[in-house]
Amino acid sequence: MAKKILYTNFTTTEDLMELFSTKKEIKKAITRCNLYKFWGKAAGKKFAEKSKPYSMLAGGVMVIACENAIVAQELMLKKTQILLKFQPYLKSLKMNVKDLRFDPKKWVEEESD
């Protein structure tokens, strides 16, 4: 005769979401992820496919991975304009990005399905 197992003490989805929303690191990661979604709007359509946010450094520096050095150079020339376009998104997310660093060494091609 098989032993009957009773499953109890499940954690509900609501409990997990509450736990996640109270963890500072998780809240920060979600906020950054939301900010990264706006990169294409700030950088423009031309650069949205050739660059993407990579990470955040101390002091409000966002590192942007670039497809190549030419893209990094072009974005560097537009940095002030990009930061201005980013401001509404930063305010809505209560984030502070003071500078952008463009790095072609961080670029990784995404695999297509």
PDB file of N, CA and C in Angstrom:
ATOM      1  N   MET A   1       0.844  -1.179   0.000  1.00  0.00           N
ATOM      2  CA  MET A   1       0.000   0.000   0.000  1.00  0.00           C
ATOM      3  C   MET A   1       0.892   1.246   0.000  1.00  0.00           C
ATOM      4  N   ALA A   2       0.590   2.175  -0.900  1.00  0.00           N
ATOM      5  CA  ALA A   2       1.391   3.389  -1.041  1.00  0.00           C
ATOM      6  C   ALA A   2       1.136   4.337   0.126  1.00  0.00           C
ATOM      7  N   LYS A   3       2.209   4.990   0.508  1.00  0.00           N
ATOM      8  CA  LYS A   3       2.114   5.945   1.605  1.00  0.00           C
ATOM      9  C   LYS A   3       1.473   7.240   1.089  1.00  0.00           C
ATOM     10  N   LYS A   4       0.497   7.735   1.832  1.00  0.00           N
ATOM     11  CA  LYS A   4      -0.215   8.937   1.429  1.00  0.00           C
ATOM     12  C   LYS A   4       0.569  10.162   1.911  1.00  0.00           C
ATOM     13  N   ILE A   5       0.837  11.075   0.990  1.00  0.00           N
ATOM     14  CA  ILE A   5       1.575  12.286   1.341  1.00  0.00           C
ATOM     15  C   ILE A   5       0.600  13.455   1.329  1.00  0.00           C
ATOM     16  N   LEU A   6       0.589  14.184   2.413  1.00  0.00           N
ATOM     17  CA  LEU A   6      -0.259  15.371   2.496  1.00  0.00           C
ATOM     18  C   LEU A   6       0.601  16.605   2.263  1.00  0.00           C
ATOM     19  N   TYR A   7       0.205  17.399   1.283  1.00  0.00           N
ATOM     20  CA  TYR A   7       0.952  18.621   0.972  1.00  0.00           C
ATOM     21  C   TYR A   7       0.280  19.801   1.655  1.00  0.00           C
ATOM     22  N   THR A   8       1.030  20.436   2.508  1.00  0.00           N
ATOM     23  CA  THR A   8       0.516  21.631   3.172  1.00  0.00           C
ATOM     24  C   THR A   8       1.621  22.668   3.229  1.00  0.00           C
ATOM     25  N   ASN A   9       1.300  23.800   3.777  1.00  0.00           N
ATOM     26  CA  ASN A   9       2.255  24.899   3.936  1.00  0.00           C
ATOM     27  C   ASN A   9       2.823  25.399   2.607  1.00  0.00           C
ATOM     28  N   PHE A  10       1.988  25.412   1.578  1.00  0.00           N
ATOM     29  CA  PHE A  10       2.421  25.999   0.316  1.00  0.00           C
ATOM     30  C   PHE A  10       2.555  27.504   0.491  1.00  0.00           C
ATOM     31  N   THR A  11       3.503  28.079  -0.196  1.00  0.00           N
ATOM     32  CA  THR A  11       3.635  29.532  -0.216  1.00  0.00           C
ATOM     33  C   THR A  11       2.826  30.044  -1.394  1.00  0.00           C
ATOM     34  N   THR A  12       1.928  30.965  -1.121  1.00  0.00           N
ATOM     35  CA  THR A  12       1.084  31.485  -2.204  1.00  0.00           C
ATOM     36  C   THR A  12       1.868  32.478  -3.059  1.00  0.00           C
ATOM     37  N   THR A  13       1.369  32.703  -4.248  1.00  0.00           N
ATOM     38  CA  THR A  13       1.988  33.672  -5.154  1.00  0.00           C
ATOM     39  C   THR A  13       1.990  35.056  -4.511  1.00  0.00           C
ATOM     40  N   GLU A  14       0.917  35.393  -3.839  1.00  0.00           N
ATOM     41  CA  GLU A  14       0.826  36.693  -3.180  1.00  0.00           C
ATOM     42  C   GLU A  14       1.917  36.850  -2.120  1.00  0.00           C
ATOM     43  N   ASP A  15       2.164  35.774  -1.355  1.00  0.00           N
ATOM     44  CA  ASP A  15       3.212  35.819  -0.338  1.00  0.00           C
ATOM     45  C   ASP A  15       4.589  36.005  -0.970  1.00  0.00           C
ATOM     46  N   LEU A  16       4.812  35.308  -2.086  1.00  0.00           N
ATOM     47  CA  LEU A  16       6.095  35.455  -2.785  1.00  0.00           C
ATOM     48  C   LEU A  16       6.278  36.870  -3.315  1.00  0.00           C
ATOM     49  N   MET A  17       5.231  37.436  -3.907  1.00  0.00           N
ATOM     50  CA  MET A  17       5.327  38.790  -4.447  1.00  0.00           C
ATOM     51  C   MET A  17       5.584  39.796  -3.335  1.00  0.00           C
ATOM     52  N   GLU A  18       4.953  39.593  -2.197  1.00  0.00           N
ATOM     53  CA  GLU A  18       5.181  40.481  -1.061  1.00  0.00           C
ATOM     54  C   GLU A  18       6.623  40.364  -0.578  1.00  0.00           C
ATOM     55  N   LEU A  19       7.116  39.144  -0.512  1.00  0.00           N
ATOM     56  CA  LEU A  19       8.502  38.921  -0.107  1.00  0.00           C
ATOM     57  C   LEU A  19       9.465  39.596  -1.071  1.00  0.00           C
ATOM     58  N   PHE A  20       9.226  39.418  -2.376  1.00  0.00           N
ATOM     59  CA  PHE A  20      10.093  40.027  -3.381  1.00  0.00           C
ATOM     60  C   PHE A  20      10.046  41.546  -3.323  1.00  0.00           C
ATOM     61  N   SER A  21       8.871  42.095  -3.113  1.00  0.00           N
ATOM     62  CA  SER A  21       8.748  43.553  -3.126  1.00  0.00           C
ATOM     63  C   SER A  21       9.355  44.200  -1.890  1.00  0.00           C
ATOM     64  N   THR A  22       9.601  43.426  -0.837  1.00  0.00           N
ATOM     65  CA  THR A  22      10.216  44.010   0.353  1.00  0.00           C
ATOM     66  C   THR A  22      11.739  43.862   0.344  1.00  0.00           C
ATOM     67  N   LYS A  23      12.271  43.012  -0.513  1.00  0.00           N
ATOM     68  CA  LYS A  23      13.718  42.838  -0.613  1.00  0.00           C
ATOM     69  C   LYS A  23      14.307  44.000  -1.419  1.00  0.00           C
ATOM     70  N   LYS A  24      15.207  44.728  -0.807  1.00  0.00           N
ATOM     71  CA  LYS A  24      15.792  45.911  -1.435  1.00  0.00           C
ATOM     72  C   LYS A  24      16.492  45.581  -2.758  1.00  0.00           C
ATOM     73  N   GLU A  25      17.260  44.507  -2.793  1.00  0.00           N
ATOM     74  CA  GLU A  25      18.007  44.143  -3.994  1.00  0.00           C
ATOM     75  C   GLU A  25      17.069  43.807  -5.153  1.00  0.00           C
ATOM     76  N   ILE A  26      15.976  43.138  -4.848  1.00  0.00           N
ATOM     77  CA  ILE A  26      15.033  42.750  -5.886  1.00  0.00           C
ATOM     78  C   ILE A  26      14.303  43.983  -6.415  1.00  0.00           C
ATOM     79  N   LYS A  27      13.920  44.879  -5.526  1.00  0.00           N
ATOM     80  CA  LYS A  27      13.266  46.115  -5.952  1.00  0.00           C
ATOM     81  C   LYS A  27      14.189  46.913  -6.864  1.00  0.00           C
ATOM     82  N   LYS A  28      15.466  46.971  -6.484  1.00  0.00           N
ATOM     83  CA  LYS A  28      16.446  47.706  -7.287  1.00  0.00           C
ATOM     84  C   LYS A  28      16.602  47.072  -8.664  1.00  0.00           C
ATOM     85  N   ALA A  29      16.654  45.744  -8.710  1.00  0.00           N
ATOM     86  CA  ALA A  29      16.806  45.035  -9.985  1.00  0.00           C
ATOM     87  C   ALA A  29      15.596  45.251 -10.892  1.00  0.00           C
ATOM     88  N   ILE A  30      14.409  45.233 -10.324  1.00  0.00           N
ATOM     89  CA  ILE A  30      13.191  45.456 -11.110  1.00  0.00           C
ATOM     90  C   ILE A  30      13.176  46.877 -11.658  1.00  0.00           C
ATOM     91  N   THR A  31      13.567  47.838 -10.832  1.00  0.00           N
ATOM     92  CA  THR A  31      13.608  49.228 -11.274  1.00  0.00           C
ATOM     93  C   THR A  31      14.606  49.405 -12.412  1.00  0.00           C
ATOM     94  N   ARG A  32      15.774  48.814 -12.275  1.00  0.00           N
ATOM     95  CA  ARG A  32      16.781  48.893 -13.343  1.00  0.00           C
ATOM     96  C   ARG A  32      16.264  48.245 -14.625  1.00  0.00           C
ATOM     97  N   CYS A  33      15.627  47.107 -14.489  1.00  0.00           N
ATOM     98  CA  CYS A  33      15.078  46.413 -15.649  1.00  0.00           C
ATOM     99  C   CYS A  33      14.063  47.299 -16.367  1.00  0.00           C
ATOM    100  N   ASN A  34      13.218  47.969 -15.606  1.00  0.00           N
ATOM    101  CA  ASN A  34      12.236  48.881 -16.188  1.00  0.00           C
ATOM    102  C   ASN A  34      12.930  50.047 -16.897  1.00  0.00           C
ATOM    103  N   LEU A  35      13.979  50.564 -16.292  1.00  0.00           N
ATOM    104  CA  LEU A  35      14.719  51.659 -16.917  1.00  0.00           C
ATOM    105  C   LEU A  35      15.348  51.194 -18.225  1.00  0.00           C
ATOM    106  N   TYR A  36      15.919  50.005 -18.224  1.00  0.00           N
ATOM    107  CA  TYR A  36      16.586  49.477 -19.417  1.00  0.00           C
ATOM    108  C   TYR A  36      15.616  49.362 -20.601  1.00  0.00           C
ATOM    109  N   LYS A  37      14.338  49.156 -20.296  1.00  0.00           N
ATOM    110  CA  LYS A  37      13.339  49.041 -21.360  1.00  0.00           C
ATOM    111  C   LYS A  37      13.205  50.344 -22.153  1.00  0.00           C
ATOM    112  N   PHE A  38      13.563  51.468 -21.540  1.00  0.00           N
ATOM    113  CA  PHE A  38      13.420  52.768 -22.189  1.00  0.00           C
ATOM    114  C   PHE A  38      14.654  53.188 -22.969  1.00  0.00           C
ATOM    115  N   TRP A  39      15.690  52.359 -22.977  1.00  0.00           N
ATOM    116  CA  TRP A  39      16.928  52.720 -23.662  1.00  0.00           C
ATOM    117  C   TRP A  39      16.689  53.064 -25.136  1.00  0.00           C
ATOM    118  N   GLY A  40      15.889  52.260 -25.817  1.00  0.00           N
ATOM    119  CA  GLY A  40      15.622  52.500 -27.232  1.00  0.00           C
ATOM    120  C   GLY A  40      14.979  53.848 -27.497  1.00  0.00           C
ATOM    121  N   LYS A  41      14.109  54.280 -26.602  1.00  0.00           N
ATOM    122  CA  LYS A  41      13.463  55.585 -26.767  1.00  0.00           C
ATOM    123  C   LYS A  41      14.465  56.721 -26.565  1.00  0.00           C
ATOM    124  N   ALA A  42      15.372  56.551 -25.626  1.00  0.00           N
ATOM    125  CA  ALA A  42      16.356  57.600 -25.354  1.00  0.00           C
ATOM    126  C   ALA A  42      17.462  57.622 -26.407  1.00  0.00           C
ATOM    127  N   ALA A  43      17.911  56.448 -26.831  1.00  0.00           N
ATOM    128  CA  ALA A  43      19.018  56.368 -27.781  1.00  0.00           C
ATOM    129  C   ALA A  43      18.563  56.578 -29.219  1.00  0.00           C
ATOM    130  N   GLY A  44      17.309  56.267 -29.490  1.00  0.00           N
ATOM    131  CA  GLY A  44      16.802  56.381 -30.849  1.00  0.00           C
ATOM    132  C   GLY A  44      16.811  55.024 -31.542  1.00  0.00           C
ATOM    133  N   LYS A  45      15.962  54.912 -32.541  1.00  0.00           N
ATOM    134  CA  LYS A  45      15.767  53.642 -33.245  1.00  0.00           C
ATOM    135  C   LYS A  45      17.068  53.108 -33.841  1.00  0.00           C
ATOM    136  N   LYS A  46      17.871  53.995 -34.427  1.00  0.00           N
ATOM    137  CA  LYS A  46      19.122  53.597 -35.077  1.00  0.00           C
ATOM    138  C   LYS A  46      20.053  52.861 -34.104  1.00  0.00           C
ATOM    139  N   PHE A  47      20.112  53.350 -32.864  1.00  0.00           N
ATOM    140  CA  PHE A  47      21.052  52.788 -31.895  1.00  0.00           C
ATOM    141  C   PHE A  47      20.431  51.735 -30.985  1.00  0.00           C
ATOM    142  N   ALA A  48      19.120  51.620 -30.998  1.00  0.00           N
ATOM    143  CA  ALA A  48      18.446  50.657 -30.123  1.00  0.00           C
ATOM    144  C   ALA A  48      18.861  49.218 -30.438  1.00  0.00           C
ATOM    145  N   GLU A  49      19.152  48.942 -31.703  1.00  0.00           N
ATOM    146  CA  GLU A  49      19.535  47.582 -32.091  1.00  0.00           C
ATOM    147  C   GLU A  49      21.039  47.349 -31.979  1.00  0.00           C
ATOM    148  N   LYS A  50      21.810  48.415 -31.857  1.00  0.00           N
ATOM    149  CA  LYS A  50      23.268  48.306 -31.845  1.00  0.00           C
ATOM    150  C   LYS A  50      23.877  48.570 -30.471  1.00  0.00           C
ATOM    151  N   SER A  51      23.002  48.791 -29.490  1.00  0.00           N
ATOM    152  CA  SER A  51      23.475  49.041 -28.125  1.00  0.00           C
ATOM    153  C   SER A  51      22.394  48.628 -27.144  1.00  0.00           C
ATOM    154  N   LYS A  52      22.817  48.327 -25.901  1.00  0.00           N
ATOM    155  CA  LYS A  52      21.842  47.960 -24.871  1.00  0.00           C
ATOM    156  C   LYS A  52      22.472  48.184 -23.501  1.00  0.00           C
ATOM    157  N   PRO A  53      21.650  48.542 -22.525  1.00  0.00           N
ATOM    158  CA  PRO A  53      22.176  48.715 -21.165  1.00  0.00           C
ATOM    159  C   PRO A  53      22.804  47.419 -20.671  1.00  0.00           C
ATOM    160  N   TYR A  54      23.936  47.556 -20.008  1.00  0.00           N
ATOM    161  CA  TYR A  54      24.664  46.383 -19.521  1.00  0.00           C
ATOM    162  C   TYR A  54      24.652  46.311 -17.999  1.00  0.00           C
ATOM    163  N   SER A  55      24.939  47.434 -17.335  1.00  0.00           N
ATOM    164  CA  SER A  55      24.976  47.429 -15.869  1.00  0.00           C
ATOM    165  C   SER A  55      24.968  48.853 -15.345  1.00  0.00           C
ATOM    166  N   MET A  56      24.887  48.954 -14.031  1.00  0.00           N
ATOM    167  CA  MET A  56      24.974  50.247 -13.350  1.00  0.00           C
ATOM    168  C   MET A  56      26.190  50.206 -12.430  1.00  0.00           C
ATOM    169  N   LEU A  57      26.943  51.304 -12.432  1.00  0.00           N
ATOM    170  CA  LEU A  57      28.088  51.437 -11.546  1.00  0.00           C
ATOM    171  C   LEU A  57      27.762  52.439 -10.450  1.00  0.00           C
ATOM    172  N   ALA A  58      28.580  52.439  -9.422  1.00  0.00           N
ATOM    173  CA  ALA A  58      28.392  53.395  -8.330  1.00  0.00           C
ATOM    174  C   ALA A  58      28.473  54.814  -8.888  1.00  0.00           C
ATOM    175  N   GLY A  59      27.756  55.704  -8.259  1.00  0.00           N
ATOM    176  CA  GLY A  59      27.783  57.106  -8.666  1.00  0.00           C
ATOM    177  C   GLY A  59      26.846  57.423  -9.815  1.00  0.00           C
ATOM    178  N   GLY A  60      25.956  56.498 -10.142  1.00  0.00           N
ATOM    179  CA  GLY A  60      24.970  56.760 -11.185  1.00  0.00           C
ATOM    180  C   GLY A  60      25.510  56.660 -12.599  1.00  0.00           C
ATOM    181  N   VAL A  61      26.450  55.760 -12.836  1.00  0.00           N
ATOM    182  CA  VAL A  61      27.012  55.570 -14.172  1.00  0.00           C
ATOM    183  C   VAL A  61      26.403  54.310 -14.791  1.00  0.00           C
ATOM    184  N   MET A  62      25.741  54.494 -15.916  1.00  0.00           N
ATOM    185  CA  MET A  62      25.150  53.354 -16.621  1.00  0.00           C
ATOM    186  C   MET A  62      26.113  52.918 -17.723  1.00  0.00           C
ATOM    187  N   VAL A  63      26.430  51.628 -17.729  1.00  0.00           N
ATOM    188  CA  VAL A  63      27.313  51.069 -18.750  1.00  0.00           C
ATOM    189  C   VAL A  63      26.432  50.545 -19.882  1.00  0.00           C
ATOM    190  N   ILE A  64      26.767  50.958 -21.103  1.00  0.00           N
ATOM    191  CA  ILE A  64      26.018  50.556 -22.280  1.00  0.00           C
ATOM    192  C   ILE A  64      26.916  49.687 -23.157  1.00  0.00           C
ATOM    193  N   ALA A  65      26.461  48.472 -23.433  1.00  0.00           N
ATOM    194  CA  ALA A  65      27.188  47.584 -24.342  1.00  0.00           C
ATOM    195  C   ALA A  65      26.889  48.034 -25.768  1.00  0.00           C
ATOM    196  N   CYS A  66      27.939  48.141 -26.580  1.00  0.00           N
ATOM    197  CA  CYS A  66      27.789  48.605 -27.963  1.00  0.00           C
ATOM    198  C   CYS A  66      28.289  47.537 -28.924  1.00  0.00           C
ATOM    199  N   GLU A  67      27.646  47.469 -30.075  1.00  0.00           N
ATOM    200  CA  GLU A  67      27.981  46.463 -31.075  1.00  0.00           C
ATOM    201  C   GLU A  67      29.442  46.570 -31.521  1.00  0.00           C
ATOM    202  N   ASN A  68      29.953  47.790 -31.623  1.00  0.00           N
ATOM    203  CA  ASN A  68      31.350  47.998 -32.020  1.00  0.00           C
ATOM    204  C   ASN A  68      31.819  49.380 -31.576  1.00  0.00           C
ATOM    205  N   ALA A  69      33.079  49.671 -31.816  1.00  0.00           N
ATOM    206  CA  ALA A  69      33.668  50.942 -31.368  1.00  0.00           C
ATOM    207  C   ALA A  69      33.052  52.142 -32.082  1.00  0.00           C
ATOM    208  N   ILE A  70      32.610  51.959 -33.309  1.00  0.00           N
ATOM    209  CA  ILE A  70      31.999  53.069 -34.054  1.00  0.00           C
ATOM    210  C   ILE A  70      30.687  53.483 -33.398  1.00  0.00           C
ATOM    211  N   VAL A  71      29.881  52.497 -33.026  1.00  0.00           N
ATOM    212  CA  VAL A  71      28.619  52.787 -32.335  1.00  0.00           C
ATOM    213  C   VAL A  71      28.912  53.478 -31.009  1.00  0.00           C
ATOM    214  N   ALA A  72      29.903  52.988 -30.275  1.00  0.00           N
ATOM    215  CA  ALA A  72      30.269  53.597 -28.991  1.00  0.00           C
ATOM    216  C   ALA A  72      30.665  55.057 -29.191  1.00  0.00           C
ATOM    217  N   GLN A  73      31.442  55.339 -30.227  1.00  0.00           N
ATOM    218  CA  GLN A  73      31.878  56.711 -30.497  1.00  0.00           C
ATOM    219  C   GLN A  73      30.695  57.613 -30.858  1.00  0.00           C
ATOM    220  N   GLU A  74      29.809  57.125 -31.708  1.00  0.00           N
ATOM    221  CA  GLU A  74      28.634  57.923 -32.089  1.00  0.00           C
ATOM    222  C   GLU A  74      27.754  58.213 -30.876  1.00  0.00           C
ATOM    223  N   LEU A  75      27.557  57.218 -30.027  1.00  0.00           N
ATOM    224  CA  LEU A  75      26.752  57.419 -28.828  1.00  0.00           C
ATOM    225  C   LEU A  75      27.436  58.394 -27.870  1.00  0.00           C
ATOM    226  N   MET A  76      28.753  58.325 -27.787  1.00  0.00           N
ATOM    227  CA  MET A  76      29.498  59.239 -26.925  1.00  0.00           C
ATOM    228  C   MET A  76      29.246  60.688 -27.357  1.00  0.00           C
ATOM    229  N   LEU A  77      29.201  60.912 -28.663  1.00  0.00           N
ATOM    230  CA  LEU A  77      28.948  62.256 -29.178  1.00  0.00           C
ATOM    231  C   LEU A  77      27.525  62.729 -28.868  1.00  0.00           C
ATOM    232  N   LYS A  78      26.601  61.794 -28.705  1.00  0.00           N
ATOM    233  CA  LYS A  78      25.196  62.124 -28.416  1.00  0.00           C
ATOM    234  C   LYS A  78      24.844  61.989 -26.933  1.00  0.00           C
ATOM    235  N   LYS A  79      25.841  61.767 -26.092  1.00  0.00           N
ATOM    236  CA  LYS A  79      25.583  61.453 -24.679  1.00  0.00           C
ATOM    237  C   LYS A  79      24.697  62.492 -23.985  1.00  0.00           C
ATOM    238  N   THR A  80      24.993  63.766 -24.166  1.00  0.00           N
ATOM    239  CA  THR A  80      24.208  64.819 -23.498  1.00  0.00           C
ATOM    240  C   THR A  80      22.745  64.754 -23.917  1.00  0.00           C
ATOM    241  N   GLN A  81      22.502  64.570 -25.220  1.00  0.00           N
ATOM    242  CA  GLN A  81      21.126  64.493 -25.716  1.00  0.00           C
ATOM    243  C   GLN A  81      20.414  63.256 -25.167  1.00  0.00           C
ATOM    244  N   ILE A  82      21.122  62.145 -25.108  1.00  0.00           N
ATOM    245  CA  ILE A  82      20.528  60.906 -24.595  1.00  0.00           C
ATOM    246  C   ILE A  82      20.158  61.067 -23.124  1.00  0.00           C
ATOM    247  N   LEU A  83      21.051  61.653 -22.344  1.00  0.00           N
ATOM    248  CA  LEU A  83      20.757  61.868 -20.919  1.00  0.00           C
ATOM    249  C   LEU A  83      19.535  62.762 -20.744  1.00  0.00           C
ATOM    250  N   LEU A  84      19.392  63.771 -21.589  1.00  0.00           N
ATOM    251  CA  LEU A  84      18.213  64.647 -21.518  1.00  0.00           C
ATOM    252  C   LEU A  84      16.934  63.879 -21.847  1.00  0.00           C
ATOM    253  N   LYS A  85      16.987  63.022 -22.865  1.00  0.00           N
ATOM    254  CA  LYS A  85      15.818  62.225 -23.230  1.00  0.00           C
ATOM    255  C   LYS A  85      15.474  61.198 -22.150  1.00  0.00           C
ATOM    256  N   PHE A  86      16.471  60.780 -21.402  1.00  0.00           N
ATOM    257  CA  PHE A  86      16.285  59.793 -20.339  1.00  0.00           C
ATOM    258  C   PHE A  86      15.624  60.388 -19.090  1.00  0.00           C
ATOM    259  N   GLN A  87      15.725  61.681 -18.894  1.00  0.00           N
ATOM    260  CA  GLN A  87      15.267  62.316 -17.658  1.00  0.00           C
ATOM    261  C   GLN A  87      13.833  61.986 -17.247  1.00  0.00           C
ATOM    262  N   PRO A  88      12.839  62.060 -18.147  1.00  0.00           N
ATOM    263  CA  PRO A  88      11.468  61.733 -17.709  1.00  0.00           C
ATOM    264  C   PRO A  88      11.339  60.310 -17.154  1.00  0.00           C
ATOM    265  N   TYR A  89      12.049  59.365 -17.762  1.00  0.00           N
ATOM    266  CA  TYR A  89      11.998  57.979 -17.307  1.00  0.00           C
ATOM    267  C   TYR A  89      12.689  57.836 -15.958  1.00  0.00           C
ATOM    268  N   LEU A  90      13.807  58.533 -15.808  1.00  0.00           N
ATOM    269  CA  LEU A  90      14.538  58.483 -14.538  1.00  0.00           C
ATOM    270  C   LEU A  90      13.698  59.055 -13.407  1.00  0.00           C
ATOM    271  N   LYS A  91      13.021  60.160 -13.680  1.00  0.00           N
ATOM    272  CA  LYS A  91      12.177  60.777 -12.652  1.00  0.00           C
ATOM    273  C   LYS A  91      11.036  59.854 -12.253  1.00  0.00           C
ATOM    274  N   SER A  92      10.386  59.233 -13.247  1.00  0.00           N
ATOM    275  CA  SER A  92       9.241  58.367 -12.932  1.00  0.00           C
ATOM    276  C   SER A  92       9.668  57.148 -12.126  1.00  0.00           C
ATOM    277  N   LEU A  93      10.904  56.678 -12.328  1.00  0.00           N
ATOM    278  CA  LEU A  93      11.402  55.512 -11.591  1.00  0.00           C
ATOM    279  C   LEU A  93      12.210  55.906 -10.351  1.00  0.00           C
ATOM    280  N   LYS A  94      12.336  57.209 -10.132  1.00  0.00           N
ATOM    281  CA  LYS A  94      13.096  57.739  -8.985  1.00  0.00           C
ATOM    282  C   LYS A  94      14.536  57.204  -8.997  1.00  0.00           C
ATOM    283  N   MET A  95      15.150  57.282 -10.185  1.00  0.00           N
ATOM    284  CA  MET A  95      16.538  56.839 -10.338  1.00  0.00           C
ATOM    285  C   MET A  95      17.411  58.022 -10.713  1.00  0.00           C
ATOM    286  N   ASN A  96      18.696  57.849 -10.500  1.00  0.00           N
ATOM    287  CA  ASN A  96      19.640  58.903 -10.809  1.00  0.00           C
ATOM    288  C   ASN A  96      20.769  58.340 -11.680  1.00  0.00           C
ATOM    289  N   VAL A  97      20.782  58.735 -12.939  1.00  0.00           N
ATOM    290  CA  VAL A  97      21.873  58.366 -13.838  1.00  0.00           C
ATOM    291  C   VAL A  97      22.567  59.658 -14.216  1.00  0.00           C
ATOM    292  N   LYS A  98      23.817  59.779 -13.813  1.00  0.00           N
ATOM    293  CA  LYS A  98      24.570  61.004 -14.054  1.00  0.00           C
ATOM    294  C   LYS A  98      25.449  60.916 -15.297  1.00  0.00           C
ATOM    295  N   ASP A  99      25.811  59.692 -15.677  1.00  0.00           N
ATOM    296  CA  ASP A  99      26.734  59.542 -16.790  1.00  0.00           C
ATOM    297  C   ASP A  99      26.481  58.224 -17.510  1.00  0.00           C
ATOM    298  N   LEU A 100      26.908  58.166 -18.750  1.00  0.00           N
ATOM    299  CA  LEU A 100      26.812  56.951 -19.557  1.00  0.00           C
ATOM    300  C   LEU A 100      28.218  56.561 -19.995  1.00  0.00           C
ATOM    301  N   ARG A 101      28.521  55.284 -19.908  1.00  0.00           N
ATOM    302  CA  ARG A 101      29.810  54.758 -20.370  1.00  0.00           C
ATOM    303  C   ARG A 101      29.518  53.730 -21.445  1.00  0.00           C
ATOM    304  N   PHE A 102      30.101  53.926 -22.619  1.00  0.00           N
ATOM    305  CA  PHE A 102      29.837  53.057 -23.767  1.00  0.00           C
ATOM    306  C   PHE A 102      31.001  52.095 -23.948  1.00  0.00           C
ATOM    307  N   ASP A 103      30.691  50.793 -23.973  1.00  0.00           N
ATOM    308  CA  ASP A 103      31.734  49.777 -23.980  1.00  0.00           C
ATOM    309  C   ASP A 103      31.455  48.686 -25.013  1.00  0.00           C
ATOM    310  N   PRO A 104      32.202  48.681 -26.128  1.00  0.00           N
ATOM    311  CA  PRO A 104      31.987  47.629 -27.122  1.00  0.00           C
ATOM    312  C   PRO A 104      32.443  46.246 -26.652  1.00  0.00           C
ATOM    313  N   LYS A 105      33.268  46.173 -25.631  1.00  0.00           N
ATOM    314  CA  LYS A 105      33.748  44.875 -25.127  1.00  0.00           C
ATOM    315  C   LYS A 105      32.649  44.104 -24.389  1.00  0.00           C
ATOM    316  N   LYS A 106      31.615  44.783 -23.975  1.00  0.00           N
ATOM    317  CA  LYS A 106      30.528  44.141 -23.230  1.00  0.00           C
ATOM    318  C   LYS A 106      29.450  43.550 -24.143  1.00  0.00           C
ATOM    319  N   TRP A 107      29.557  43.803 -25.447  1.00  0.00           N
ATOM    320  CA  TRP A 107      28.512  43.369 -26.386  1.00  0.00           C
ATOM    321  C   TRP A 107      28.509  41.855 -26.531  1.00  0.00           C
ATOM    322  N   VAL A 108      27.321  41.279 -26.446  1.00  0.00           N
ATOM    323  CA  VAL A 108      27.129  39.842 -26.662  1.00  0.00           C
ATOM    324  C   VAL A 108      25.940  39.702 -27.602  1.00  0.00           C
ATOM    325  N   GLU A 109      26.143  38.974 -28.684  1.00  0.00           N
ATOM    326  CA  GLU A 109      25.044  38.733 -29.626  1.00  0.00           C
ATOM    327  C   GLU A 109      24.018  37.828 -28.961  1.00  0.00           C
ATOM    328  N   GLU A 110      22.756  38.190 -29.081  1.00  0.00           N
ATOM    329  CA  GLU A 110      21.695  37.347 -28.534  1.00  0.00           C
ATOM    330  C   GLU A 110      21.342  36.275 -29.553  1.00  0.00           C
ATOM    331  N   GLU A 111      21.171  35.065 -29.065  1.00  0.00           N
ATOM    332  CA  GLU A 111      20.832  33.952 -29.947  1.00  0.00           C
ATOM    333  C   GLU A 111      19.375  34.032 -30.347  1.00  0.00           C
ATOM    334  N   SER A 112      19.111  33.800 -31.614  1.00  0.00           N
ATOM    335  CA  SER A 112      17.721  33.786 -32.066  1.00  0.00           C
ATOM    336  C   SER A 112      17.168  32.375 -31.950  1.00  0.00           C
ATOM    337  N   ASP A 113      15.866  32.298 -31.717  1.00  0.00           N
ATOM    338  CA  ASP A 113      15.226  30.982 -31.518  1.00  0.00           C
ATOM    339  C   ASP A 113      15.026  30.248 -32.803  1.00  0.00           C
TER     340      ASP A 113
END
